[in-house]
Amino acid sequence: MWKIIRYVGRAPDGLTFEERFYAPYDSFYMEQARQHKFDAYFKDGSTHYFLVSRKAPSLVDKRVAIGGKFLLGADNTISEYEEIFRTWKMVPDTLAKREIILFDKLVRGEALESFFTKNSKGIEYIEFPDEHTYFDKGARQWKIK
């Protein structure tokens, strides 16, 4: 979790993306790590697949999940990182059922487009990416087109 929390976790207000990695913010990200949990993890060769979730802002108990993958370099730091999807906010039981379907397809290299909001026939699975938002692998962050 410590290797990916500065990507999947929320940043302190007013911080630039690069400042997330500065040592003075370690305690903030330790707290972020406690607020996230691994729902699934799979390693295939040098590729690490992850599915993490966190409590989502809501009047009722809801969570949101992020699925992605990363590679570690020779120095044991992340050399490649990509978030493949972020789910809609869901009650925990619903999220648990839907996120594992998405993670299984991710690990198997199967297409996820049928789970995008525009294709899912009213069933909420993947909030991002969508026609306006994508994950920029080089910048390691979500961006708006």
C-alpha atoms as a PDB file:
ATOM      1  CA  MET A   1       0.000   0.000   0.000  1.00  0.00           C
ATOM      2  CA  TRP A   2       2.836   2.366   0.841  1.00  0.00           C
ATOM      3  CA  LYS A   3       4.158   2.207  -2.734  1.00  0.00           C
ATOM      4  CA  ILE A   4       0.856   3.287  -4.312  1.00  0.00           C
ATOM      5  CA  ILE A   5      -0.906   5.386  -1.645  1.00  0.00           C
ATOM      6  CA  ARG A   6       0.409   8.710  -2.954  1.00  0.00           C
ATOM      7  CA  TYR A   7      -1.364   7.910  -6.221  1.00  0.00           C
ATOM      8  CA  VAL A   8      -4.636   6.358  -5.009  1.00  0.00           C
ATOM      9  CA  GLY A   9      -4.990   8.453  -1.853  1.00  0.00           C
ATOM     10  CA  ARG A  10      -6.248  11.978  -1.590  1.00  0.00           C
ATOM     11  CA  ALA A  11      -3.639  14.737  -1.458  1.00  0.00           C
ATOM     12  CA  PRO A  12      -3.568  17.502   1.146  1.00  0.00           C
ATOM     13  CA  ASP A  13      -5.341  20.630  -0.081  1.00  0.00           C
ATOM     14  CA  GLY A  14      -3.211  22.939  -2.183  1.00  0.00           C
ATOM     15  CA  LEU A  15      -0.455  20.427  -2.959  1.00  0.00           C
ATOM     16  CA  THR A  16       0.913  20.031  -6.455  1.00  0.00           C
ATOM     17  CA  PHE A  17       1.170  16.495  -7.815  1.00  0.00           C
ATOM     18  CA  GLU A  18       4.962  16.463  -7.353  1.00  0.00           C
ATOM     19  CA  GLU A  19       4.704  17.661  -3.734  1.00  0.00           C
ATOM     20  CA  ARG A  20       2.783  14.491  -2.817  1.00  0.00           C
ATOM     21  CA  PHE A  21       6.111  12.668  -2.734  1.00  0.00           C
ATOM     22  CA  TYR A  22       7.894  15.033  -0.335  1.00  0.00           C
ATOM     23  CA  ALA A  23       8.894  13.480   3.001  1.00  0.00           C
ATOM     24  CA  PRO A  24       7.099  16.109   5.173  1.00  0.00           C
ATOM     25  CA  TYR A  25       3.794  14.583   3.966  1.00  0.00           C
ATOM     26  CA  ASP A  26       4.644  11.014   5.025  1.00  0.00           C
ATOM     27  CA  SER A  27       2.401  11.177   8.122  1.00  0.00           C
ATOM     28  CA  PHE A  28      -0.531  12.414   6.014  1.00  0.00           C
ATOM     29  CA  TYR A  29      -0.110   9.486   3.624  1.00  0.00           C
ATOM     30  CA  MET A  30       0.292   7.006   6.489  1.00  0.00           C
ATOM     31  CA  GLU A  31      -3.195   8.067   7.562  1.00  0.00           C
ATOM     32  CA  GLN A  32      -4.410   7.745   3.964  1.00  0.00           C
ATOM     33  CA  ALA A  33      -3.018   4.197   3.854  1.00  0.00           C
ATOM     34  CA  ARG A  34      -5.032   3.317   6.968  1.00  0.00           C
ATOM     35  CA  GLN A  35      -8.191   4.554   5.214  1.00  0.00           C
ATOM     36  CA  HIS A  36      -7.633   2.292   2.196  1.00  0.00           C
ATOM     37  CA  LYS A  37      -7.710  -1.471   1.992  1.00  0.00           C
ATOM     38  CA  PHE A  38      -6.584  -4.048  -0.519  1.00  0.00           C
ATOM     39  CA  ASP A  39      -9.651  -5.881  -1.792  1.00  0.00           C
ATOM     40  CA  ALA A  40      -7.557  -7.910  -4.246  1.00  0.00           C
ATOM     41  CA  TYR A  41      -3.931  -8.201  -5.286  1.00  0.00           C
ATOM     42  CA  PHE A  42      -2.320 -10.396  -7.918  1.00  0.00           C
ATOM     43  CA  LYS A  43       1.222 -10.637  -9.243  1.00  0.00           C
ATOM     44  CA  ASP A  44       1.866 -12.003 -12.726  1.00  0.00           C
ATOM     45  CA  GLY A  45       5.583 -12.003 -13.470  1.00  0.00           C
ATOM     46  CA  SER A  46       6.732  -8.426 -12.914  1.00  0.00           C
ATOM     47  CA  THR A  47       3.229  -6.935 -13.123  1.00  0.00           C
ATOM     48  CA  HIS A  48       1.437  -6.193  -9.851  1.00  0.00           C
ATOM     49  CA  TYR A  49      -2.356  -5.842 -10.146  1.00  0.00           C
ATOM     50  CA  PHE A  50      -4.221  -4.094  -7.349  1.00  0.00           C
ATOM     51  CA  LEU A  51      -7.769  -3.390  -6.275  1.00  0.00           C
ATOM     52  CA  VAL A  52      -8.067  -0.956  -3.377  1.00  0.00           C
ATOM     53  CA  SER A  53     -11.100   0.680  -1.862  1.00  0.00           C
ATOM     54  CA  ARG A  54     -11.839   3.516   0.506  1.00  0.00           C
ATOM     55  CA  LYS A  55     -14.833   5.024   2.189  1.00  0.00           C
ATOM     56  CA  ALA A  56     -16.592   7.508  -0.108  1.00  0.00           C
ATOM     57  CA  PRO A  57     -18.263  10.760   0.934  1.00  0.00           C
ATOM     58  CA  SER A  58     -21.947   9.904   1.256  1.00  0.00           C
ATOM     59  CA  LEU A  59     -24.924  10.154   3.618  1.00  0.00           C
ATOM     60  CA  VAL A  60     -24.923   6.348   3.829  1.00  0.00           C
ATOM     61  CA  ASP A  61     -22.012   3.906   4.042  1.00  0.00           C
ATOM     62  CA  LYS A  62     -20.483   3.722   0.556  1.00  0.00           C
ATOM     63  CA  ARG A  63     -17.088   2.856  -0.856  1.00  0.00           C
ATOM     64  CA  VAL A  64     -15.253   3.445  -4.103  1.00  0.00           C
ATOM     65  CA  ALA A  65     -12.653   1.094  -5.628  1.00  0.00           C
ATOM     66  CA  ILE A  66      -9.644   1.675  -7.869  1.00  0.00           C
ATOM     67  CA  GLY A  67      -8.167  -1.066 -10.018  1.00  0.00           C
ATOM     68  CA  GLY A  68      -4.793  -0.836 -11.690  1.00  0.00           C
ATOM     69  CA  LYS A  69      -1.331  -2.231 -12.167  1.00  0.00           C
ATOM     70  CA  PHE A  70       2.294  -1.296 -11.663  1.00  0.00           C
ATOM     71  CA  LEU A  71       5.818  -2.512 -12.315  1.00  0.00           C
ATOM     72  CA  LEU A  72       8.771  -2.193  -9.957  1.00  0.00           C
ATOM     73  CA  GLY A  73      12.190  -1.130 -11.179  1.00  0.00           C
ATOM     74  CA  ALA A  74      15.547  -2.578 -10.144  1.00  0.00           C
ATOM     75  CA  ASP A  75      15.662  -0.187  -7.170  1.00  0.00           C
ATOM     76  CA  ASN A  76      12.245  -1.476  -5.950  1.00  0.00           C
ATOM     77  CA  THR A  77      10.470   1.764  -6.830  1.00  0.00           C
ATOM     78  CA  ILE A  78       7.523   2.022  -9.183  1.00  0.00           C
ATOM     79  CA  SER A  79       8.754   2.240 -12.772  1.00  0.00           C
ATOM     80  CA  GLU A  80       5.299   2.103 -14.383  1.00  0.00           C
ATOM     81  CA  TYR A  81       1.912   2.848 -12.840  1.00  0.00           C
ATOM     82  CA  GLU A  82      -1.578   2.857 -14.290  1.00  0.00           C
ATOM     83  CA  GLU A  83      -5.046   3.088 -12.817  1.00  0.00           C
ATOM     84  CA  ILE A  84      -7.350   1.201 -15.160  1.00  0.00           C
ATOM     85  CA  PHE A  85     -10.690   2.041 -13.552  1.00  0.00           C
ATOM     86  CA  ARG A  86     -12.415   3.750 -10.678  1.00  0.00           C
ATOM     87  CA  THR A  87     -15.851   2.564  -9.684  1.00  0.00           C
ATOM     88  CA  TRP A  88     -18.912   4.553  -8.757  1.00  0.00           C
ATOM     89  CA  LYS A  89     -19.662   4.951  -5.051  1.00  0.00           C
ATOM     90  CA  MET A  90     -21.510   1.832  -3.902  1.00  0.00           C
ATOM     91  CA  VAL A  91     -22.723   0.249  -0.698  1.00  0.00           C
ATOM     92  CA  PRO A  92     -20.062  -2.232   0.453  1.00  0.00           C
ATOM     93  CA  ASP A  93     -21.959  -5.423  -0.450  1.00  0.00           C
ATOM     94  CA  THR A  94     -22.676  -4.231  -3.982  1.00  0.00           C
ATOM     95  CA  LEU A  95     -19.127  -2.969  -4.457  1.00  0.00           C
ATOM     96  CA  ALA A  96     -17.660  -6.285  -3.294  1.00  0.00           C
ATOM     97  CA  LYS A  97     -19.618  -8.176  -5.956  1.00  0.00           C
ATOM     98  CA  ARG A  98     -18.992  -5.769  -8.817  1.00  0.00           C
ATOM     99  CA  GLU A  99     -15.360  -4.862  -8.152  1.00  0.00           C
ATOM    100  CA  ILE A 100     -14.188  -8.478  -8.158  1.00  0.00           C
ATOM    101  CA  ILE A 101     -15.759  -9.013 -11.591  1.00  0.00           C
ATOM    102  CA  LEU A 102     -13.842  -5.992 -12.888  1.00  0.00           C
ATOM    103  CA  PHE A 103     -10.595  -7.071 -11.231  1.00  0.00           C
ATOM    104  CA  ASP A 104     -10.843 -10.587 -12.645  1.00  0.00           C
ATOM    105  CA  LYS A 105     -11.302  -9.193 -16.154  1.00  0.00           C
ATOM    106  CA  LEU A 106      -8.413  -6.746 -15.607  1.00  0.00           C
ATOM    107  CA  VAL A 107      -6.020  -9.517 -14.572  1.00  0.00           C
ATOM    108  CA  ARG A 108      -7.110 -11.697 -17.494  1.00  0.00           C
ATOM    109  CA  GLY A 109      -6.513  -8.816 -19.925  1.00  0.00           C
ATOM    110  CA  GLU A 110     -10.165  -8.710 -20.973  1.00  0.00           C
ATOM    111  CA  ALA A 111     -11.924  -5.570 -22.194  1.00  0.00           C
ATOM    112  CA  LEU A 112     -13.811  -3.495 -19.631  1.00  0.00           C
ATOM    113  CA  GLU A 113     -15.699  -1.230 -22.045  1.00  0.00           C
ATOM    114  CA  SER A 114     -19.026  -3.010 -21.463  1.00  0.00           C
ATOM    115  CA  PHE A 115     -18.808  -1.848 -17.816  1.00  0.00           C
ATOM    116  CA  PHE A 116     -18.355   1.842 -18.700  1.00  0.00           C
ATOM    117  CA  THR A 117     -21.392   3.922 -17.741  1.00  0.00           C
ATOM    118  CA  LYS A 118     -22.407   4.582 -21.351  1.00  0.00           C
ATOM    119  CA  ASN A 119     -22.467   0.821 -22.058  1.00  0.00           C
ATOM    120  CA  SER A 120     -23.647  -0.700 -18.763  1.00  0.00           C
ATOM    121  CA  LYS A 121     -27.411  -0.304 -19.310  1.00  0.00           C
ATOM    122  CA  GLY A 122     -28.020   1.676 -16.124  1.00  0.00           C
ATOM    123  CA  ILE A 123     -25.961  -0.553 -13.821  1.00  0.00           C
ATOM    124  CA  GLU A 124     -23.171   1.415 -12.176  1.00  0.00           C
ATOM    125  CA  TYR A 125     -19.754  -0.186 -12.424  1.00  0.00           C
ATOM    126  CA  ILE A 126     -16.997   2.091 -13.758  1.00  0.00           C
ATOM    127  CA  GLU A 127     -17.182   5.860 -13.275  1.00  0.00           C
ATOM    128  CA  PHE A 128     -13.772   6.525 -14.874  1.00  0.00           C
ATOM    129  CA  PRO A 129     -12.532   6.354 -17.541  1.00  0.00           C
ATOM    130  CA  ASP A 130     -15.368   7.843 -19.540  1.00  0.00           C
ATOM    131  CA  GLU A 131     -15.751  10.067 -22.581  1.00  0.00           C
ATOM    132  CA  HIS A 132     -14.371  13.044 -20.611  1.00  0.00           C
ATOM    133  CA  THR A 133     -11.836  11.527 -18.202  1.00  0.00           C
ATOM    134  CA  TYR A 134      -8.812   9.305 -18.833  1.00  0.00           C
ATOM    135  CA  PHE A 135      -5.762   8.103 -16.958  1.00  0.00           C
ATOM    136  CA  ASP A 136      -2.534   9.634 -18.269  1.00  0.00           C
ATOM    137  CA  LYS A 137       0.001   6.861 -17.725  1.00  0.00           C
ATOM    138  CA  GLY A 138       3.010   9.164 -18.246  1.00  0.00           C
ATOM    139  CA  ALA A 139       1.764  11.727 -15.711  1.00  0.00           C
ATOM    140  CA  ARG A 140       0.335   8.965 -13.464  1.00  0.00           C
ATOM    141  CA  GLN A 141      -2.912  10.832 -12.869  1.00  0.00           C
ATOM    142  CA  TRP A 142      -6.479  11.202 -14.085  1.00  0.00           C
ATOM    143  CA  LYS A 143      -7.053  14.037 -16.549  1.00  0.00           C
ATOM    144  CA  ILE A 144      -9.960  15.628 -18.358  1.00  0.00           C
ATOM    145  CA  LYS A 145      -9.919  15.569 -22.170  1.00  0.00           C
END
